[in-house]
N, C-alpha and C. Protein backbone atom coordinates (compact mmCIF):
# COMPACT_ATOMS: atom_id res chain seq x y z
N GLU A 1 -20.16 49.57 31.03
CA GLU A 1 -20.01 48.14 31.29
C GLU A 1 -18.61 47.70 30.86
N VAL A 2 -17.96 46.89 31.70
CA VAL A 2 -16.62 46.41 31.43
C VAL A 2 -16.72 45.09 30.68
N SER A 3 -15.94 44.97 29.60
CA SER A 3 -16.00 43.75 28.80
C SER A 3 -15.41 42.59 29.59
N PRO A 4 -15.84 41.37 29.29
CA PRO A 4 -15.31 40.20 30.00
C PRO A 4 -13.79 40.06 29.84
N ASP A 5 -13.26 40.45 28.66
CA ASP A 5 -11.82 40.35 28.44
C ASP A 5 -11.05 41.27 29.39
N ILE A 6 -11.55 42.49 29.61
CA ILE A 6 -10.89 43.44 30.51
C ILE A 6 -10.97 42.92 31.95
N SER A 7 -12.14 42.38 32.32
CA SER A 7 -12.30 41.83 33.67
C SER A 7 -11.33 40.69 33.92
N MET A 8 -11.18 39.81 32.96
CA MET A 8 -10.24 38.69 33.10
C MET A 8 -8.81 39.20 33.18
N LEU A 9 -8.48 40.22 32.40
CA LEU A 9 -7.14 40.79 32.43
C LEU A 9 -6.85 41.40 33.79
N ARG A 10 -7.83 42.11 34.36
CA ARG A 10 -7.66 42.69 35.69
C ARG A 10 -7.43 41.61 36.73
N LEU A 11 -8.23 40.53 36.68
CA LEU A 11 -8.08 39.42 37.62
C LEU A 11 -6.71 38.77 37.48
N ALA A 12 -6.27 38.57 36.25
CA ALA A 12 -4.97 37.95 36.03
C ALA A 12 -3.85 38.83 36.57
N LEU A 13 -3.97 40.15 36.35
CA LEU A 13 -2.95 41.08 36.84
C LEU A 13 -2.92 41.08 38.37
N LEU A 14 -4.09 41.10 39.01
CA LEU A 14 -4.14 41.05 40.48
C LEU A 14 -3.53 39.76 41.01
N ALA A 15 -3.82 38.64 40.36
CA ALA A 15 -3.26 37.37 40.79
C ALA A 15 -1.75 37.36 40.63
N LEU A 16 -1.26 37.94 39.54
CA LEU A 16 0.17 38.00 39.28
C LEU A 16 0.89 38.85 40.32
N VAL A 17 0.35 40.01 40.63
CA VAL A 17 0.95 40.89 41.63
C VAL A 17 0.92 40.21 43.01
N GLY A 18 -0.19 39.60 43.35
CA GLY A 18 -0.29 38.92 44.63
C GLY A 18 0.67 37.75 44.75
N ALA A 19 0.81 36.98 43.68
CA ALA A 19 1.73 35.85 43.70
C ALA A 19 3.17 36.32 43.82
N THR A 20 3.51 37.39 43.12
CA THR A 20 4.87 37.93 43.19
C THR A 20 5.17 38.42 44.60
N ALA A 21 4.24 39.13 45.20
CA ALA A 21 4.45 39.63 46.57
C ALA A 21 4.61 38.46 47.54
N ALA A 22 3.81 37.44 47.37
CA ALA A 22 3.89 36.29 48.28
C ALA A 22 5.21 35.57 48.15
N LEU A 23 5.76 35.53 46.94
CA LEU A 23 7.03 34.84 46.74
C LEU A 23 8.22 35.63 47.26
N ARG A 24 8.17 36.95 47.23
CA ARG A 24 9.33 37.76 47.56
C ARG A 24 9.30 38.36 48.96
N VAL A 25 8.20 38.29 49.66
CA VAL A 25 8.13 38.88 50.99
C VAL A 25 8.60 37.84 52.00
N ALA A 26 9.58 38.22 52.80
CA ALA A 26 10.07 37.32 53.83
C ALA A 26 10.37 38.14 55.07
N PRO A 27 9.90 37.73 56.21
CA PRO A 27 10.17 38.47 57.44
C PRO A 27 11.58 38.22 57.93
N LEU A 28 11.93 38.89 59.00
CA LEU A 28 13.20 38.65 59.66
C LEU A 28 13.30 37.15 59.89
N ARG A 29 14.43 36.56 59.47
CA ARG A 29 14.51 35.11 59.47
C ARG A 29 15.53 34.59 60.46
N ALA A 30 15.32 33.37 60.87
CA ALA A 30 16.30 32.67 61.70
C ALA A 30 17.26 31.93 60.78
N ALA A 31 18.36 31.47 61.32
CA ALA A 31 19.36 30.78 60.52
C ALA A 31 18.80 29.53 59.85
N SER A 32 17.74 28.95 60.39
CA SER A 32 17.16 27.74 59.81
C SER A 32 16.39 28.01 58.53
N ALA A 33 16.32 29.26 58.09
CA ALA A 33 15.54 29.58 56.90
C ALA A 33 16.14 28.99 55.63
N SER A 34 17.35 28.50 55.68
CA SER A 34 17.93 27.91 54.49
C SER A 34 17.45 26.48 54.27
N ALA A 35 16.53 26.03 55.10
CA ALA A 35 15.99 24.68 54.94
C ALA A 35 15.29 24.55 53.60
N ALA A 36 15.14 23.33 53.13
CA ALA A 36 14.51 23.08 51.84
C ALA A 36 13.14 23.74 51.79
N GLY A 37 12.87 24.39 50.68
CA GLY A 37 11.57 25.00 50.47
C GLY A 37 11.47 26.43 50.96
N ALA A 38 12.45 26.94 51.70
CA ALA A 38 12.38 28.31 52.19
C ALA A 38 12.74 29.27 51.07
N ILE A 39 12.17 30.45 51.14
CA ILE A 39 12.50 31.49 50.16
C ILE A 39 13.93 31.93 50.42
N ARG A 40 14.74 31.98 49.39
CA ARG A 40 16.15 32.36 49.54
C ARG A 40 16.34 33.74 48.93
N MET A 41 16.84 34.64 49.75
CA MET A 41 17.16 35.97 49.27
C MET A 41 18.67 36.03 49.07
N GLY A 42 19.21 37.21 48.83
CA GLY A 42 20.62 37.35 48.54
C GLY A 42 21.54 36.77 49.59
N ALA A 43 21.31 37.06 50.83
CA ALA A 43 22.13 36.53 51.93
C ALA A 43 21.17 36.17 53.06
N ALA A 44 21.55 35.18 53.84
CA ALA A 44 20.68 34.71 54.92
C ALA A 44 21.30 35.04 56.27
N VAL A 45 20.48 35.01 57.29
CA VAL A 45 20.97 35.19 58.65
C VAL A 45 22.05 34.15 58.90
N GLY A 46 23.17 34.60 59.47
CA GLY A 46 24.30 33.73 59.72
C GLY A 46 25.38 33.81 58.66
N ASP A 47 25.03 34.27 57.45
CA ASP A 47 26.02 34.45 56.39
C ASP A 47 26.90 35.66 56.70
N LYS A 48 28.09 35.67 56.13
CA LYS A 48 28.95 36.85 56.18
C LYS A 48 28.69 37.65 54.91
N LEU A 49 28.43 38.95 55.07
CA LEU A 49 28.31 39.81 53.90
C LEU A 49 29.70 39.96 53.29
N PRO A 50 29.82 39.96 51.97
CA PRO A 50 31.14 40.09 51.35
C PRO A 50 31.85 41.36 51.81
N SER A 51 33.15 41.24 52.05
CA SER A 51 33.92 42.40 52.53
C SER A 51 33.89 43.54 51.53
N SER A 52 33.77 43.23 50.23
CA SER A 52 33.71 44.29 49.22
C SER A 52 32.43 45.11 49.38
N VAL A 53 31.33 44.48 49.75
CA VAL A 53 30.07 45.19 49.96
C VAL A 53 30.19 46.08 51.20
N LEU A 54 30.72 45.50 52.29
CA LEU A 54 30.90 46.28 53.52
C LEU A 54 31.82 47.47 53.29
N SER A 55 32.89 47.26 52.53
CA SER A 55 33.85 48.33 52.25
C SER A 55 33.22 49.43 51.39
N THR A 56 32.52 49.04 50.34
CA THR A 56 31.87 50.02 49.46
C THR A 56 30.86 50.86 50.24
N CYS A 57 30.19 50.23 51.18
CA CYS A 57 29.19 50.94 52.00
C CYS A 57 29.84 51.71 53.15
N GLY A 58 31.13 51.50 53.37
CA GLY A 58 31.84 52.21 54.43
C GLY A 58 31.52 51.73 55.83
N VAL A 59 31.16 50.45 55.96
CA VAL A 59 30.77 49.92 57.27
C VAL A 59 31.59 48.72 57.71
N SER A 60 32.76 48.52 57.14
CA SER A 60 33.63 47.42 57.58
C SER A 60 33.92 47.58 59.06
N GLY A 61 33.72 46.51 59.83
CA GLY A 61 34.00 46.54 61.26
C GLY A 61 32.97 47.28 62.08
N LYS A 62 31.82 47.59 61.49
CA LYS A 62 30.77 48.33 62.20
C LYS A 62 29.45 47.57 62.15
N LYS A 63 28.62 47.79 63.16
CA LYS A 63 27.24 47.31 63.11
C LYS A 63 26.52 48.20 62.10
N ALA A 64 25.73 47.59 61.24
CA ALA A 64 25.12 48.40 60.17
C ALA A 64 23.83 47.80 59.64
N VAL A 65 23.02 48.69 59.08
CA VAL A 65 21.87 48.33 58.27
C VAL A 65 22.21 48.78 56.85
N ILE A 66 22.11 47.85 55.91
CA ILE A 66 22.34 48.17 54.51
C ILE A 66 21.06 47.83 53.77
N PHE A 67 20.42 48.86 53.21
CA PHE A 67 19.16 48.60 52.50
C PHE A 67 19.32 48.93 51.02
N PHE A 68 18.85 48.00 50.19
CA PHE A 68 18.90 48.13 48.74
C PHE A 68 17.52 48.57 48.26
N TYR A 69 17.51 49.57 47.40
CA TYR A 69 16.25 50.10 46.86
C TYR A 69 16.49 50.51 45.41
N GLY A 70 15.44 50.96 44.74
CA GLY A 70 15.53 51.27 43.32
C GLY A 70 16.07 52.64 42.98
N ALA A 71 15.27 53.66 43.21
CA ALA A 71 15.63 55.01 42.78
C ALA A 71 15.23 56.03 43.83
N ASP A 72 16.05 57.06 43.98
CA ASP A 72 15.80 58.10 44.98
C ASP A 72 14.41 58.72 44.85
N ASP A 73 13.95 58.89 43.61
CA ASP A 73 12.70 59.63 43.39
C ASP A 73 11.47 58.75 43.19
N ALA A 74 11.61 57.43 43.26
CA ALA A 74 10.44 56.56 43.15
C ALA A 74 9.64 56.68 44.44
N PRO A 75 8.31 56.73 44.35
CA PRO A 75 7.49 56.96 45.55
C PRO A 75 7.77 56.02 46.71
N SER A 76 7.82 54.72 46.48
CA SER A 76 8.05 53.80 47.60
C SER A 76 9.49 53.89 48.10
N CYS A 77 10.42 54.16 47.21
CA CYS A 77 11.83 54.28 47.63
C CYS A 77 12.03 55.53 48.47
N SER A 78 11.42 56.63 48.08
CA SER A 78 11.57 57.86 48.88
C SER A 78 10.89 57.69 50.24
N LYS A 79 9.82 56.90 50.31
CA LYS A 79 9.19 56.60 51.60
C LYS A 79 10.15 55.80 52.48
N GLU A 80 10.84 54.83 51.88
CA GLU A 80 11.77 54.01 52.65
C GLU A 80 12.93 54.86 53.16
N ILE A 81 13.49 55.69 52.30
CA ILE A 81 14.59 56.57 52.71
C ILE A 81 14.11 57.50 53.82
N GLY A 82 12.93 58.07 53.66
CA GLY A 82 12.37 58.96 54.67
C GLY A 82 12.15 58.26 56.00
N ALA A 83 11.70 57.00 55.95
CA ALA A 83 11.46 56.25 57.19
C ALA A 83 12.78 55.95 57.91
N PHE A 84 13.81 55.59 57.15
CA PHE A 84 15.12 55.38 57.79
C PHE A 84 15.66 56.70 58.33
N ASP A 85 15.48 57.77 57.58
CA ASP A 85 15.92 59.10 58.00
C ASP A 85 15.25 59.49 59.32
N ALA A 86 13.94 59.25 59.42
CA ALA A 86 13.18 59.62 60.62
C ALA A 86 13.60 58.79 61.84
N ASN A 87 14.17 57.61 61.61
CA ASN A 87 14.57 56.72 62.71
C ASN A 87 16.09 56.63 62.89
N LEU A 88 16.80 57.54 62.25
CA LEU A 88 18.26 57.51 62.31
C LEU A 88 18.79 57.62 63.74
N ALA A 89 18.14 58.43 64.56
CA ALA A 89 18.59 58.59 65.95
C ALA A 89 18.47 57.27 66.72
N ALA A 90 17.42 56.51 66.47
CA ALA A 90 17.25 55.22 67.16
C ALA A 90 18.37 54.26 66.77
N PHE A 91 18.73 54.23 65.48
CA PHE A 91 19.82 53.36 65.04
C PHE A 91 21.15 53.85 65.62
N SER A 92 21.36 55.16 65.58
CA SER A 92 22.61 55.73 66.13
C SER A 92 22.74 55.41 67.61
N GLY A 93 21.63 55.46 68.34
CA GLY A 93 21.64 55.13 69.76
C GLY A 93 22.07 53.69 70.04
N LEU A 94 21.89 52.83 69.05
CA LEU A 94 22.31 51.43 69.18
C LEU A 94 23.72 51.22 68.61
N GLY A 95 24.32 52.31 68.12
CA GLY A 95 25.65 52.21 67.51
C GLY A 95 25.63 51.57 66.14
N VAL A 96 24.51 51.72 65.43
CA VAL A 96 24.33 51.08 64.13
C VAL A 96 24.30 52.14 63.03
N SER A 97 25.18 51.96 62.03
CA SER A 97 25.19 52.84 60.86
C SER A 97 24.09 52.40 59.89
N VAL A 98 23.55 53.35 59.13
CA VAL A 98 22.52 53.04 58.14
C VAL A 98 22.99 53.53 56.78
N VAL A 99 22.93 52.63 55.79
CA VAL A 99 23.38 52.96 54.44
C VAL A 99 22.34 52.47 53.44
N GLY A 100 21.95 53.35 52.53
CA GLY A 100 21.06 52.98 51.45
C GLY A 100 21.86 52.78 50.18
N VAL A 101 21.48 51.79 49.37
CA VAL A 101 22.21 51.46 48.14
C VAL A 101 21.24 51.45 46.96
N ARG A 102 21.60 52.20 45.92
CA ARG A 102 20.82 52.17 44.68
C ARG A 102 21.79 52.12 43.52
N ASN A 103 21.29 51.75 42.33
CA ASN A 103 22.18 51.71 41.18
C ASN A 103 22.36 53.12 40.60
N GLY A 104 23.25 53.27 39.65
CA GLY A 104 23.57 54.58 39.09
C GLY A 104 22.37 55.29 38.50
N ALA A 105 21.49 54.56 37.83
CA ALA A 105 20.31 55.18 37.23
C ALA A 105 19.34 55.69 38.29
N GLY A 106 19.40 55.12 39.49
CA GLY A 106 18.51 55.52 40.57
C GLY A 106 19.01 56.69 41.38
N ASP A 107 20.24 57.16 41.10
CA ASP A 107 20.84 58.27 41.85
C ASP A 107 20.28 59.58 41.32
N LYS A 108 19.37 60.17 42.10
CA LYS A 108 18.73 61.43 41.69
C LYS A 108 19.12 62.57 42.62
N GLY A 109 20.11 62.33 43.49
CA GLY A 109 20.62 63.39 44.36
C GLY A 109 19.66 63.81 45.46
N ILE A 110 18.95 62.87 46.03
CA ILE A 110 18.00 63.18 47.10
C ILE A 110 18.75 63.71 48.33
N ASP A 111 18.13 64.62 49.06
CA ASP A 111 18.71 65.18 50.28
C ASP A 111 18.26 64.33 51.46
N SER A 112 19.23 63.68 52.13
CA SER A 112 18.90 62.81 53.25
C SER A 112 20.08 62.76 54.20
N ASP A 113 19.80 62.56 55.49
CA ASP A 113 20.86 62.35 56.47
C ASP A 113 21.38 60.91 56.43
N VAL A 114 20.62 60.01 55.79
CA VAL A 114 21.06 58.63 55.63
C VAL A 114 22.15 58.61 54.56
N LYS A 115 23.22 57.89 54.84
CA LYS A 115 24.29 57.74 53.85
C LYS A 115 23.75 56.93 52.69
N LEU A 116 23.88 57.46 51.47
CA LEU A 116 23.41 56.77 50.28
C LEU A 116 24.60 56.54 49.35
N VAL A 117 24.74 55.32 48.86
CA VAL A 117 25.83 55.00 47.95
C VAL A 117 25.27 54.43 46.65
N VAL A 118 26.08 54.54 45.60
CA VAL A 118 25.69 54.03 44.29
C VAL A 118 26.34 52.66 44.09
N ASP A 119 25.55 51.72 43.64
CA ASP A 119 26.03 50.38 43.31
C ASP A 119 26.37 50.38 41.82
N GLU A 120 27.61 50.73 41.51
CA GLU A 120 28.04 50.84 40.11
C GLU A 120 27.88 49.52 39.39
N GLY A 121 27.13 49.55 38.30
CA GLY A 121 26.92 48.35 37.49
C GLY A 121 26.24 47.21 38.24
N ASP A 122 25.55 47.55 39.33
CA ASP A 122 24.87 46.54 40.16
C ASP A 122 25.84 45.48 40.68
N ALA A 123 27.10 45.88 40.92
CA ALA A 123 28.11 44.93 41.38
C ALA A 123 27.76 44.31 42.72
N MET A 124 27.27 45.13 43.67
CA MET A 124 26.92 44.59 44.99
C MET A 124 25.70 43.69 44.90
N ARG A 125 24.69 44.12 44.16
CA ARG A 125 23.49 43.29 43.98
C ARG A 125 23.87 41.93 43.38
N SER A 126 24.76 41.96 42.39
CA SER A 126 25.18 40.72 41.74
C SER A 126 25.96 39.84 42.71
N GLU A 127 26.88 40.43 43.47
CA GLU A 127 27.68 39.65 44.41
C GLU A 127 26.80 39.02 45.49
N LEU A 128 25.76 39.74 45.91
CA LEU A 128 24.84 39.21 46.92
C LEU A 128 23.74 38.34 46.31
N ALA A 129 23.66 38.32 44.99
CA ALA A 129 22.61 37.56 44.28
C ALA A 129 21.22 38.05 44.68
N ILE A 130 21.05 39.37 44.74
CA ILE A 130 19.74 39.94 45.03
C ILE A 130 18.91 39.86 43.76
N ALA A 131 17.87 39.07 43.82
CA ALA A 131 17.02 38.85 42.65
C ALA A 131 16.09 40.04 42.44
N PRO A 132 15.85 40.40 41.18
CA PRO A 132 14.87 41.45 40.92
C PRO A 132 13.46 40.96 41.25
N ASP A 133 12.58 41.91 41.50
CA ASP A 133 11.18 41.61 41.80
C ASP A 133 10.31 41.84 40.57
N LEU A 134 9.10 41.35 40.66
CA LEU A 134 8.07 41.54 39.63
C LEU A 134 8.62 41.19 38.25
N PHE A 135 9.15 39.96 38.15
CA PHE A 135 9.65 39.41 36.89
C PHE A 135 10.72 40.29 36.25
N GLY A 136 11.57 40.84 37.08
CA GLY A 136 12.69 41.63 36.58
C GLY A 136 12.41 43.09 36.34
N LEU A 137 11.19 43.52 36.59
CA LEU A 137 10.84 44.92 36.35
C LEU A 137 11.35 45.85 37.44
N LEU A 138 11.51 45.34 38.66
CA LEU A 138 11.95 46.15 39.78
C LEU A 138 13.18 45.52 40.43
N GLY A 139 14.13 46.38 40.82
CA GLY A 139 15.28 45.87 41.56
C GLY A 139 14.82 45.36 42.91
N GLY A 140 15.41 44.29 43.38
CA GLY A 140 15.01 43.73 44.67
C GLY A 140 15.21 44.72 45.80
N ARG A 141 14.18 44.88 46.64
CA ARG A 141 14.25 45.75 47.82
C ARG A 141 14.57 44.85 49.00
N GLU A 142 15.84 44.84 49.40
CA GLU A 142 16.26 43.99 50.50
C GLU A 142 17.03 44.81 51.53
N THR A 143 16.89 44.42 52.77
CA THR A 143 17.58 45.08 53.88
C THR A 143 18.34 44.03 54.67
N TYR A 144 19.60 44.34 54.95
CA TYR A 144 20.46 43.45 55.74
C TYR A 144 20.92 44.20 56.98
N VAL A 145 20.89 43.51 58.11
CA VAL A 145 21.44 44.05 59.35
C VAL A 145 22.63 43.15 59.68
N VAL A 146 23.80 43.79 59.90
CA VAL A 146 25.02 43.04 60.18
C VAL A 146 25.65 43.50 61.49
N ASP A 147 26.32 42.56 62.15
CA ASP A 147 27.07 42.93 63.34
C ASP A 147 28.45 43.43 62.91
N ALA A 148 29.31 43.75 63.88
CA ALA A 148 30.61 44.34 63.56
C ALA A 148 31.52 43.39 62.77
N SER A 149 31.26 42.09 62.84
CA SER A 149 32.07 41.13 62.08
C SER A 149 31.56 40.95 60.66
N GLY A 150 30.44 41.60 60.32
CA GLY A 150 29.86 41.45 58.98
C GLY A 150 28.90 40.29 58.86
N THR A 151 28.58 39.66 59.99
CA THR A 151 27.63 38.54 59.98
C THR A 151 26.21 39.08 59.95
N VAL A 152 25.41 38.54 59.05
CA VAL A 152 24.03 38.97 58.89
C VAL A 152 23.21 38.48 60.09
N VAL A 153 22.54 39.42 60.77
CA VAL A 153 21.68 39.07 61.90
C VAL A 153 20.20 39.31 61.58
N GLY A 154 19.93 39.94 60.44
CA GLY A 154 18.55 40.19 60.04
C GLY A 154 18.47 40.45 58.54
N VAL A 155 17.41 39.93 57.93
CA VAL A 155 17.16 40.11 56.50
C VAL A 155 15.68 40.41 56.32
N HIS A 156 15.39 41.34 55.43
CA HIS A 156 13.98 41.64 55.15
C HIS A 156 13.82 41.99 53.68
N ASN A 157 12.74 41.52 53.09
CA ASN A 157 12.42 41.83 51.70
C ASN A 157 10.93 42.07 51.61
N ASN A 158 10.55 43.25 51.17
CA ASN A 158 9.14 43.55 50.93
C ASN A 158 9.09 44.74 49.99
N GLN A 159 8.77 44.47 48.75
CA GLN A 159 8.74 45.51 47.72
C GLN A 159 7.60 46.50 47.96
N PHE A 160 6.53 46.05 48.60
CA PHE A 160 5.32 46.86 48.66
C PHE A 160 5.06 47.51 50.02
N ASP A 161 5.94 47.34 50.99
CA ASP A 161 5.79 47.98 52.29
C ASP A 161 7.16 48.49 52.74
N PRO A 162 7.60 49.61 52.14
CA PRO A 162 8.95 50.09 52.43
C PRO A 162 9.20 50.41 53.90
N ALA A 163 8.19 50.87 54.61
CA ALA A 163 8.37 51.21 56.04
C ALA A 163 8.66 49.98 56.88
N SER A 164 8.21 48.80 56.43
CA SER A 164 8.47 47.57 57.19
C SER A 164 9.96 47.26 57.28
N HIS A 165 10.74 47.78 56.35
CA HIS A 165 12.19 47.56 56.39
C HIS A 165 12.79 48.21 57.63
N VAL A 166 12.27 49.37 58.01
CA VAL A 166 12.78 50.09 59.17
C VAL A 166 12.44 49.34 60.45
N THR A 167 11.19 48.92 60.60
CA THR A 167 10.78 48.26 61.84
C THR A 167 11.50 46.94 62.04
N THR A 168 11.65 46.15 60.97
CA THR A 168 12.34 44.87 61.12
C THR A 168 13.85 45.07 61.33
N ALA A 169 14.42 46.07 60.66
CA ALA A 169 15.85 46.36 60.85
C ALA A 169 16.12 46.83 62.27
N LEU A 170 15.25 47.67 62.80
CA LEU A 170 15.43 48.16 64.17
C LEU A 170 15.33 47.01 65.17
N ALA A 171 14.37 46.11 64.95
CA ALA A 171 14.23 44.95 65.84
C ALA A 171 15.47 44.07 65.78
N ALA A 172 16.02 43.86 64.59
CA ALA A 172 17.24 43.05 64.47
C ALA A 172 18.43 43.76 65.09
N ALA A 173 18.53 45.07 64.89
CA ALA A 173 19.66 45.84 65.45
C ALA A 173 19.66 45.78 66.97
N GLU A 174 18.48 45.73 67.56
CA GLU A 174 18.38 45.66 69.02
C GLU A 174 18.91 44.34 69.58
N THR A 175 19.05 43.31 68.74
CA THR A 175 19.54 42.02 69.19
C THR A 175 21.07 41.93 69.15
N ILE A 176 21.72 42.90 68.52
CA ILE A 176 23.18 42.85 68.42
C ILE A 176 23.78 43.29 69.75
N PRO A 177 24.61 42.44 70.35
CA PRO A 177 25.19 42.82 71.64
C PRO A 177 26.17 43.99 71.49
N ASN A 178 26.24 44.79 72.53
CA ASN A 178 27.23 45.87 72.57
C ASN A 178 28.54 45.27 73.04
N LEU A 179 29.58 45.45 72.26
CA LEU A 179 30.88 44.90 72.58
C LEU A 179 31.81 45.99 73.08
N ASN A 180 32.76 45.61 73.92
CA ASN A 180 33.77 46.58 74.29
C ASN A 180 34.70 46.76 73.08
N PRO A 181 35.53 47.79 73.08
CA PRO A 181 36.36 48.08 71.89
C PRO A 181 37.24 46.91 71.45
N LEU A 182 37.81 46.16 72.39
CA LEU A 182 38.64 45.02 72.03
C LEU A 182 37.81 43.94 71.35
N GLU A 183 36.63 43.65 71.92
CA GLU A 183 35.74 42.64 71.32
C GLU A 183 35.27 43.09 69.94
N GLN A 184 34.99 44.39 69.80
CA GLN A 184 34.54 44.91 68.51
C GLN A 184 35.65 44.78 67.47
N PHE A 185 36.88 45.10 67.85
CA PHE A 185 38.01 44.98 66.93
C PHE A 185 38.20 43.52 66.52
N ALA A 186 38.16 42.62 67.48
CA ALA A 186 38.32 41.20 67.18
C ALA A 186 37.19 40.72 66.27
N ALA A 187 35.96 41.16 66.54
CA ALA A 187 34.81 40.76 65.71
C ALA A 187 34.99 41.26 64.28
N SER A 188 35.51 42.47 64.13
CA SER A 188 35.70 43.02 62.77
C SER A 188 36.72 42.22 61.99
N LEU A 189 37.63 41.51 62.71
CA LEU A 189 38.62 40.65 62.06
C LEU A 189 38.14 39.20 61.96
N GLY A 190 36.94 38.94 62.49
CA GLY A 190 36.39 37.59 62.45
C GLY A 190 36.98 36.67 63.50
N ILE A 191 37.52 37.25 64.58
CA ILE A 191 38.13 36.47 65.65
C ILE A 191 37.20 36.45 66.85
N GLU A 192 36.96 35.26 67.40
CA GLU A 192 36.15 35.13 68.61
C GLU A 192 37.09 35.06 69.81
N LEU A 193 36.88 35.95 70.76
CA LEU A 193 37.68 35.93 71.97
C LEU A 193 37.08 34.95 72.97
N PRO A 194 37.93 34.33 73.81
CA PRO A 194 37.40 33.39 74.81
C PRO A 194 36.60 34.08 75.88
């Protein structure tokens, strides 16, 4: 028989986990998501990702998916890396680079075809204001899809469904228009051609 105190503790823990998930999960958003009351993640659709983040990830002037995760060897993180790895050809077919970002402690030397970079001292997370999940216990799991100019066209956050990052990123990547080389170069400089 379970004591009433243990039962109450279990209920409180379930409520806490559910509330945290509800607060941090946000689907691919439209630019209007910055309206009052909307959940705000590190960067929103329509924002420019900082050039330092794009440069560190090696995707300046390129269409890209940049996903932030915790550690190479954490079960949900390795699932997310594996899911992006399995769909790399689909992203490549759209001309979209894929980069995973973890902090130094999370670098366990995993073998993957996805480019993985280390966020030294959480500098990129801090610059993007990516909030930790579960009351600071977990690094925020966020995915950004950017066009060649570095403008965010898709954002996704879901700590508990790592595979959803791939499906939402792929859907957002499919919305990025294919530009000719001149248009792509101009976009990478932030110039709109007539």
